[in-house]
Amino acid sequence: MSPKTSESEGGNGSGGPATPGRISIAALALLTLIFVFENRRSTKIRLLGPEVTMPLWMALLGTGAIGGLCGAYAVRKRRS
């Protein structure tokens, strides 16, 4: 087999269409879509100001993002 033939048959390390990383990303995307569609109803939120109505998934996503940023900040400060 020539080197050119082995490169064209996937010898570049791509691993084909179903690698473990791609499968886990697809599963995570599917779980995210299920989460969003299951939590579409609106909810009222009030935090130090006026009451806001938004979908529950958006409120939970925002809370998770704020928590993730706080965690990243704490880890970064610990390493410094």
PDB file of N, CA and C in Angstrom:
ATOM      1  N   MET A   1       0.846  -1.169   0.000  1.00  0.00           N
ATOM      2  CA  MET A   1       0.000   0.000   0.000  1.00  0.00           C
ATOM      3  C   MET A   1       0.894   1.236   0.000  1.00  0.00           C
ATOM      4  N   SER A   2       0.606   2.181  -0.843  1.00  0.00           N
ATOM      5  CA  SER A   2       1.405   3.390  -0.917  1.00  0.00           C
ATOM      6  C   SER A   2       0.998   4.356   0.182  1.00  0.00           C
ATOM      7  N   PRO A   3       1.878   5.289   0.583  1.00  0.00           N
ATOM      8  CA  PRO A   3       1.537   6.268   1.617  1.00  0.00           C
ATOM      9  C   PRO A   3       0.341   7.128   1.238  1.00  0.00           C
ATOM     10  N   LYS A   4       0.204   7.410  -0.062  1.00  0.00           N
ATOM     11  CA  LYS A   4      -0.919   8.235  -0.498  1.00  0.00           C
ATOM     12  C   LYS A   4      -2.248   7.502  -0.275  1.00  0.00           C
ATOM     13  N   THR A   5      -2.277   6.196  -0.511  1.00  0.00           N
ATOM     14  CA  THR A   5      -3.490   5.411  -0.326  1.00  0.00           C
ATOM     15  C   THR A   5      -3.876   5.340   1.148  1.00  0.00           C
ATOM     16  N   SER A   6      -2.884   5.150   2.030  1.00  0.00           N
ATOM     17  CA  SER A   6      -3.206   5.037   3.454  1.00  0.00           C
ATOM     18  C   SER A   6      -3.700   6.367   4.026  1.00  0.00           C
ATOM     19  N   GLU A   7      -3.234   7.484   3.502  1.00  0.00           N
ATOM     20  CA  GLU A   7      -3.716   8.783   3.966  1.00  0.00           C
ATOM     21  C   GLU A   7      -5.158   9.024   3.538  1.00  0.00           C
ATOM     22  N   SER A   8      -5.515   8.583   2.339  1.00  0.00           N
ATOM     23  CA  SER A   8      -6.871   8.829   1.858  1.00  0.00           C
ATOM     24  C   SER A   8      -7.893   7.914   2.539  1.00  0.00           C
ATOM     25  N   GLU A   9      -7.449   6.858   3.226  1.00  0.00           N
ATOM     26  CA  GLU A   9      -8.358   5.939   3.884  1.00  0.00           C
ATOM     27  C   GLU A   9      -8.574   6.303   5.346  1.00  0.00           C
ATOM     28  N   GLY A  10      -8.272   7.509   5.751  1.00  0.00           N
ATOM     29  CA  GLY A  10      -8.515   7.925   7.129  1.00  0.00           C
ATOM     30  C   GLY A  10      -7.289   7.810   8.013  1.00  0.00           C
ATOM     31  N   GLY A  11      -6.106   7.761   7.451  1.00  0.00           N
ATOM     32  CA  GLY A  11      -4.881   7.668   8.229  1.00  0.00           C
ATOM     33  C   GLY A  11      -4.476   8.978   8.885  1.00  0.00           C
ATOM     34  N   ASN A  12      -5.280  10.022   8.765  1.00  0.00           N
ATOM     35  CA  ASN A  12      -4.928  11.318   9.335  1.00  0.00           C
ATOM     36  C   ASN A  12      -5.432  11.476  10.762  1.00  0.00           C
ATOM     37  N   GLY A  13      -5.997  10.427  11.358  1.00  0.00           N
ATOM     38  CA  GLY A  13      -6.419  10.495  12.747  1.00  0.00           C
ATOM     39  C   GLY A  13      -7.820  11.044  12.959  1.00  0.00           C
ATOM     40  N   SER A  14      -8.623  11.125  11.900  1.00  0.00           N
ATOM     41  CA  SER A  14      -9.969  11.680  12.065  1.00  0.00           C
ATOM     42  C   SER A  14     -10.883  10.722  12.807  1.00  0.00           C
ATOM     43  N   GLY A  15     -10.656   9.408  12.690  1.00  0.00           N
ATOM     44  CA  GLY A  15     -11.423   8.436  13.434  1.00  0.00           C
ATOM     45  C   GLY A  15     -12.806   8.156  12.874  1.00  0.00           C
ATOM     46  N   GLY A  16     -13.139   8.669  11.738  1.00  0.00           N
ATOM     47  CA  GLY A  16     -14.443   8.416  11.151  1.00  0.00           C
ATOM     48  C   GLY A  16     -15.517   9.307  11.743  1.00  0.00           C
ATOM     49  N   PRO A  17     -16.757   9.067  11.341  1.00  0.00           N
ATOM     50  CA  PRO A  17     -17.838   9.957  11.779  1.00  0.00           C
ATOM     51  C   PRO A  17     -18.298   9.735  13.215  1.00  0.00           C
ATOM     52  N   ALA A  18     -18.051   8.573  13.815  1.00  0.00           N
ATOM     53  CA  ALA A  18     -18.588   8.278  15.147  1.00  0.00           C
ATOM     54  C   ALA A  18     -17.466   8.091  16.174  1.00  0.00           C
ATOM     55  N   THR A  19     -16.767   9.157  16.499  1.00  0.00           N
ATOM     56  CA  THR A  19     -15.750   9.083  17.540  1.00  0.00           C
ATOM     57  C   THR A  19     -16.407   9.257  18.907  1.00  0.00           C
ATOM     58  N   PRO A  20     -15.773   8.816  19.976  1.00  0.00           N
ATOM     59  CA  PRO A  20     -16.365   8.990  21.314  1.00  0.00           C
ATOM     60  C   PRO A  20     -16.640  10.449  21.660  1.00  0.00           C
ATOM     61  N   GLY A  21     -15.792  11.345  21.225  1.00  0.00           N
ATOM     62  CA  GLY A  21     -16.016  12.770  21.485  1.00  0.00           C
ATOM     63  C   GLY A  21     -17.255  13.295  20.783  1.00  0.00           C
ATOM     64  N   ARG A  22     -17.427  12.900  19.536  1.00  0.00           N
ATOM     65  CA  ARG A  22     -18.599  13.347  18.771  1.00  0.00           C
ATOM     66  C   ARG A  22     -19.887  12.753  19.342  1.00  0.00           C
ATOM     67  N   ILE A  23     -19.825  11.506  19.788  1.00  0.00           N
ATOM     68  CA  ILE A  23     -21.006  10.870  20.376  1.00  0.00           C
ATOM     69  C   ILE A  23     -21.383  11.570  21.678  1.00  0.00           C
ATOM     70  N   SER A  24     -20.403  11.899  22.508  1.00  0.00           N
ATOM     71  CA  SER A  24     -20.715  12.566  23.778  1.00  0.00           C
ATOM     72  C   SER A  24     -21.242  13.980  23.543  1.00  0.00           C
ATOM     73  N   ILE A  25     -20.721  14.694  22.553  1.00  0.00           N
ATOM     74  CA  ILE A  25     -21.237  16.026  22.233  1.00  0.00           C
ATOM     75  C   ILE A  25     -22.668  15.932  21.707  1.00  0.00           C
ATOM     76  N   ALA A  26     -22.955  14.950  20.878  1.00  0.00           N
ATOM     77  CA  ALA A  26     -24.309  14.764  20.361  1.00  0.00           C
ATOM     78  C   ALA A  26     -25.280  14.421  21.492  1.00  0.00           C
ATOM     79  N   ALA A  27     -24.846  13.579  22.429  1.00  0.00           N
ATOM     80  CA  ALA A  27     -25.694  13.225  23.574  1.00  0.00           C
ATOM     81  C   ALA A  27     -25.950  14.446  24.448  1.00  0.00           C
ATOM     82  N   LEU A  28     -24.923  15.250  24.663  1.00  0.00           N
ATOM     83  CA  LEU A  28     -25.084  16.465  25.462  1.00  0.00           C
ATOM     84  C   LEU A  28     -26.024  17.457  24.773  1.00  0.00           C
ATOM     85  N   ALA A  29     -25.914  17.597  23.467  1.00  0.00           N
ATOM     86  CA  ALA A  29     -26.821  18.477  22.727  1.00  0.00           C
ATOM     87  C   ALA A  29     -28.260  17.973  22.806  1.00  0.00           C
ATOM     88  N   LEU A  30     -28.451  16.661  22.718  1.00  0.00           N
ATOM     89  CA  LEU A  30     -29.792  16.088  22.825  1.00  0.00           C
ATOM     90  C   LEU A  30     -30.376  16.324  24.213  1.00  0.00           C
ATOM     91  N   LEU A  31     -29.586  16.114  25.257  1.00  0.00           N
ATOM     92  CA  LEU A  31     -30.056  16.370  26.618  1.00  0.00           C
ATOM     93  C   LEU A  31     -30.392  17.841  26.827  1.00  0.00           C
ATOM     94  N   THR A  32     -29.611  18.729  26.230  1.00  0.00           N
ATOM     95  CA  THR A  32     -29.891  20.164  26.336  1.00  0.00           C
ATOM     96  C   THR A  32     -31.225  20.509  25.674  1.00  0.00           C
ATOM     97  N   LEU A  33     -31.476  19.954  24.495  1.00  0.00           N
ATOM     98  CA  LEU A  33     -32.755  20.195  23.819  1.00  0.00           C
ATOM     99  C   LEU A  33     -33.928  19.648  24.621  1.00  0.00           C
ATOM    100  N   ILE A  34     -33.772  18.465  25.199  1.00  0.00           N
ATOM    101  CA  ILE A  34     -34.834  17.908  26.036  1.00  0.00           C
ATOM    102  C   ILE A  34     -35.087  18.814  27.232  1.00  0.00           C
ATOM    103  N   PHE A  35     -34.011  19.299  27.865  1.00  0.00           N
ATOM    104  CA  PHE A  35     -34.132  20.203  29.013  1.00  0.00           C
ATOM    105  C   PHE A  35     -34.897  21.467  28.638  1.00  0.00           C
ATOM    106  N   VAL A  36     -34.563  22.062  27.505  1.00  0.00           N
ATOM    107  CA  VAL A  36     -35.222  23.300  27.068  1.00  0.00           C
ATOM    108  C   VAL A  36     -36.701  23.053  26.799  1.00  0.00           C
ATOM    109  N   PHE A  37     -37.030  21.983  26.083  1.00  0.00           N
ATOM    110  CA  PHE A  37     -38.429  21.729  25.737  1.00  0.00           C
ATOM    111  C   PHE A  37     -39.274  21.306  26.943  1.00  0.00           C
ATOM    112  N   GLU A  38     -38.662  20.710  27.938  1.00  0.00           N
ATOM    113  CA  GLU A  38     -39.405  20.329  29.145  1.00  0.00           C
ATOM    114  C   GLU A  38     -39.626  21.519  30.087  1.00  0.00           C
ATOM    115  N   ASN A  39     -38.861  22.587  29.938  1.00  0.00           N
ATOM    116  CA  ASN A  39     -38.944  23.735  30.847  1.00  0.00           C
ATOM    117  C   ASN A  39     -39.290  25.020  30.096  1.00  0.00           C
ATOM    118  N   ARG A  40     -40.286  24.959  29.227  1.00  0.00           N
ATOM    119  CA  ARG A  40     -40.670  26.117  28.435  1.00  0.00           C
ATOM    120  C   ARG A  40     -41.629  27.060  29.139  1.00  0.00           C
ATOM    121  N   ARG A  41     -42.289  26.628  30.168  1.00  0.00           N
ATOM    122  CA  ARG A  41     -43.289  27.496  30.802  1.00  0.00           C
ATOM    123  C   ARG A  41     -42.618  28.709  31.440  1.00  0.00           C
ATOM    124  N   SER A  42     -43.357  29.790  31.499  1.00  0.00           N
ATOM    125  CA  SER A  42     -42.818  31.039  32.046  1.00  0.00           C
ATOM    126  C   SER A  42     -42.881  31.024  33.567  1.00  0.00           C
ATOM    127  N   THR A  43     -41.949  31.717  34.159  1.00  0.00           N
ATOM    128  CA  THR A  43     -41.901  31.838  35.608  1.00  0.00           C
ATOM    129  C   THR A  43     -41.572  33.279  35.973  1.00  0.00           C
ATOM    130  N   LYS A  44     -42.009  33.697  37.140  1.00  0.00           N
ATOM    131  CA  LYS A  44     -41.747  35.061  37.605  1.00  0.00           C
ATOM    132  C   LYS A  44     -40.509  35.042  38.487  1.00  0.00           C
ATOM    133  N   ILE A  45     -39.606  35.987  38.231  1.00  0.00           N
ATOM    134  CA  ILE A  45     -38.358  36.081  38.978  1.00  0.00           C
ATOM    135  C   ILE A  45     -38.214  37.499  39.499  1.00  0.00           C
ATOM    136  N   ARG A  46     -37.844  37.613  40.747  1.00  0.00           N
ATOM    137  CA  ARG A  46     -37.631  38.933  41.344  1.00  0.00           C
ATOM    138  C   ARG A  46     -36.360  38.885  42.169  1.00  0.00           C
ATOM    139  N   LEU A  47     -35.422  39.763  41.864  1.00  0.00           N
ATOM    140  CA  LEU A  47     -34.165  39.832  42.587  1.00  0.00           C
ATOM    141  C   LEU A  47     -33.765  41.299  42.722  1.00  0.00           C
ATOM    142  N   LEU A  48     -33.985  41.849  43.866  1.00  0.00           N
ATOM    143  CA  LEU A  48     -33.592  43.233  44.169  1.00  0.00           C
ATOM    144  C   LEU A  48     -34.133  44.243  43.161  1.00  0.00           C
ATOM    145  N   GLY A  49     -35.290  44.008  42.642  1.00  0.00           N
ATOM    146  CA  GLY A  49     -35.836  44.963  41.681  1.00  0.00           C
ATOM    147  C   GLY A  49     -37.173  44.515  41.170  1.00  0.00           C
ATOM    148  N   PRO A  50     -37.505  44.941  39.970  1.00  0.00           N
ATOM    149  CA  PRO A  50     -38.822  44.598  39.430  1.00  0.00           C
ATOM    150  C   PRO A  50     -38.934  43.097  39.133  1.00  0.00           C
ATOM    151  N   GLU A  51     -40.162  42.638  39.079  1.00  0.00           N
ATOM    152  CA  GLU A  51     -40.439  41.244  38.763  1.00  0.00           C
ATOM    153  C   GLU A  51     -40.335  41.043  37.260  1.00  0.00           C
ATOM    154  N   VAL A  52     -39.648  39.994  36.857  1.00  0.00           N
ATOM    155  CA  VAL A  52     -39.439  39.691  35.441  1.00  0.00           C
ATOM    156  C   VAL A  52     -40.044  38.324  35.152  1.00  0.00           C
ATOM    157  N   THR A  53     -40.692  38.187  34.023  1.00  0.00           N
ATOM    158  CA  THR A  53     -41.234  36.901  33.596  1.00  0.00           C
ATOM    159  C   THR A  53     -40.402  36.398  32.427  1.00  0.00           C
ATOM    160  N   MET A  54     -39.906  35.158  32.552  1.00  0.00           N
ATOM    161  CA  MET A  54     -39.092  34.554  31.497  1.00  0.00           C
ATOM    162  C   MET A  54     -39.280  33.044  31.535  1.00  0.00           C
ATOM    163  N   PRO A  55     -38.898  32.369  30.464  1.00  0.00           N
ATOM    164  CA  PRO A  55     -38.984  30.907  30.473  1.00  0.00           C
ATOM    165  C   PRO A  55     -38.074  30.319  31.556  1.00  0.00           C
ATOM    166  N   LEU A  56     -38.529  29.232  32.158  1.00  0.00           N
ATOM    167  CA  LEU A  56     -37.779  28.603  33.231  1.00  0.00           C
ATOM    168  C   LEU A  56     -36.395  28.155  32.784  1.00  0.00           C
ATOM    169  N   TRP A  57     -36.276  27.629  31.556  1.00  0.00           N
ATOM    170  CA  TRP A  57     -34.973  27.155  31.087  1.00  0.00           C
ATOM    171  C   TRP A  57     -33.968  28.296  30.998  1.00  0.00           C
ATOM    172  N   MET A  58     -34.434  29.480  30.632  1.00  0.00           N
ATOM    173  CA  MET A  58     -33.538  30.628  30.519  1.00  0.00           C
ATOM    174  C   MET A  58     -33.049  31.069  31.904  1.00  0.00           C
ATOM    175  N   ALA A  59     -33.944  31.032  32.876  1.00  0.00           N
ATOM    176  CA  ALA A  59     -33.554  31.391  34.240  1.00  0.00           C
ATOM    177  C   ALA A  59     -32.542  30.389  34.792  1.00  0.00           C
ATOM    178  N   LEU A  60     -32.788  29.100  34.561  1.00  0.00           N
ATOM    179  CA  LEU A  60     -31.859  28.080  35.042  1.00  0.00           C
ATOM    180  C   LEU A  60     -30.517  28.148  34.316  1.00  0.00           C
ATOM    181  N   LEU A  61     -30.548  28.426  33.033  1.00  0.00           N
ATOM    182  CA  LEU A  61     -29.309  28.557  32.268  1.00  0.00           C
ATOM    183  C   LEU A  61     -28.492  29.747  32.762  1.00  0.00           C
ATOM    184  N   GLY A  62     -29.165  30.865  33.010  1.00  0.00           N
ATOM    185  CA  GLY A  62     -28.467  32.045  33.532  1.00  0.00           C
ATOM    186  C   GLY A  62     -27.869  31.790  34.914  1.00  0.00           C
ATOM    187  N   THR A  63     -28.619  31.102  35.764  1.00  0.00           N
ATOM    188  CA  THR A  63     -28.113  30.780  37.097  1.00  0.00           C
ATOM    189  C   THR A  63     -26.904  29.852  37.003  1.00  0.00           C
ATOM    190  N   GLY A  64     -26.978  28.870  36.123  1.00  0.00           N
ATOM    191  CA  GLY A  64     -25.847  27.959  35.930  1.00  0.00           C
ATOM    192  C   GLY A  64     -24.620  28.665  35.385  1.00  0.00           C
ATOM    193  N   ALA A  65     -24.826  29.604  34.472  1.00  0.00           N
ATOM    194  CA  ALA A  65     -23.703  30.361  33.904  1.00  0.00           C
ATOM    195  C   ALA A  65     -23.041  31.231  34.977  1.00  0.00           C
ATOM    196  N   ILE A  66     -23.856  31.870  35.806  1.00  0.00           N
ATOM    197  CA  ILE A  66     -23.295  32.688  36.888  1.00  0.00           C
ATOM    198  C   ILE A  66     -22.521  31.809  37.866  1.00  0.00           C
ATOM    199  N   GLY A  67     -23.070  30.639  38.201  1.00  0.00           N
ATOM    200  CA  GLY A  67     -22.369  29.713  39.087  1.00  0.00           C
ATOM    201  C   GLY A  67     -21.060  29.220  38.486  1.00  0.00           C
ATOM    202  N   GLY A  68     -21.074  28.928  37.189  1.00  0.00           N
ATOM    203  CA  GLY A  68     -19.850  28.489  36.513  1.00  0.00           C
ATOM    204  C   GLY A  68     -18.783  29.565  36.497  1.00  0.00           C
ATOM    205  N   LEU A  69     -19.197  30.813  36.268  1.00  0.00           N
ATOM    206  CA  LEU A  69     -18.241  31.923  36.285  1.00  0.00           C
ATOM    207  C   LEU A  69     -17.648  32.127  37.683  1.00  0.00           C
ATOM    208  N   CYS A  70     -18.496  32.015  38.707  1.00  0.00           N
ATOM    209  CA  CYS A  70     -17.994  32.146  40.085  1.00  0.00           C
ATOM    210  C   CYS A  70     -17.013  31.028  40.419  1.00  0.00           C
ATOM    211  N   GLY A  71     -17.321  29.809  39.986  1.00  0.00           N
ATOM    212  CA  GLY A  71     -16.416  28.684  40.212  1.00  0.00           C
ATOM    213  C   GLY A  71     -15.097  28.856  39.485  1.00  0.00           C
ATOM    214  N   ALA A  72     -15.149  29.316  38.237  1.00  0.00           N
ATOM    215  CA  ALA A  72     -13.927  29.540  37.471  1.00  0.00           C
ATOM    216  C   ALA A  72     -13.072  30.629  38.113  1.00  0.00           C
ATOM    217  N   TYR A  73     -13.734  31.673  38.621  1.00  0.00           N
ATOM    218  CA  TYR A  73     -13.017  32.758  39.294  1.00  0.00           C
ATOM    219  C   TYR A  73     -12.332  32.247  40.558  1.00  0.00           C
ATOM    220  N   ALA A  74     -13.015  31.413  41.327  1.00  0.00           N
ATOM    221  CA  ALA A  74     -12.445  30.866  42.563  1.00  0.00           C
ATOM    222  C   ALA A  74     -11.248  29.982  42.274  1.00  0.00           C
ATOM    223  N   VAL A  75     -11.349  29.145  41.233  1.00  0.00           N
ATOM    224  CA  VAL A  75     -10.225  28.270  40.874  1.00  0.00           C
ATOM    225  C   VAL A  75      -9.049  29.088  40.383  1.00  0.00           C
ATOM    226  N   ARG A  76      -9.323  30.112  39.610  1.00  0.00           N
ATOM    227  CA  ARG A  76      -8.245  30.967  39.084  1.00  0.00           C
ATOM    228  C   ARG A  76      -7.531  31.702  40.222  1.00  0.00           C
ATOM    229  N   LYS A  77      -8.291  32.201  41.206  1.00  0.00           N
ATOM    230  CA  LYS A  77      -7.684  32.888  42.330  1.00  0.00           C
ATOM    231  C   LYS A  77      -6.847  31.944  43.178  1.00  0.00           C
ATOM    232  N   ARG A  78      -7.286  30.682  43.305  1.00  0.00           N
ATOM    233  CA  ARG A  78      -6.556  29.706  44.101  1.00  0.00           C
ATOM    234  C   ARG A  78      -5.212  29.376  43.470  1.00  0.00           C
ATOM    235  N   ARG A  79      -5.154  29.327  42.138  1.00  0.00           N
ATOM    236  CA  ARG A  79      -3.915  28.994  41.436  1.00  0.00           C
ATOM    237  C   ARG A  79      -2.913  30.141  41.462  1.00  0.00           C
ATOM    238  N   SER A  80      -3.377  31.361  41.603  1.00  0.00           N
ATOM    239  CA  SER A  80      -2.486  32.528  41.574  1.00  0.00           C
ATOM    240  C   SER A  80      -1.719  32.706  42.851  1.00  0.00           C
TER     241      SER A  80
END
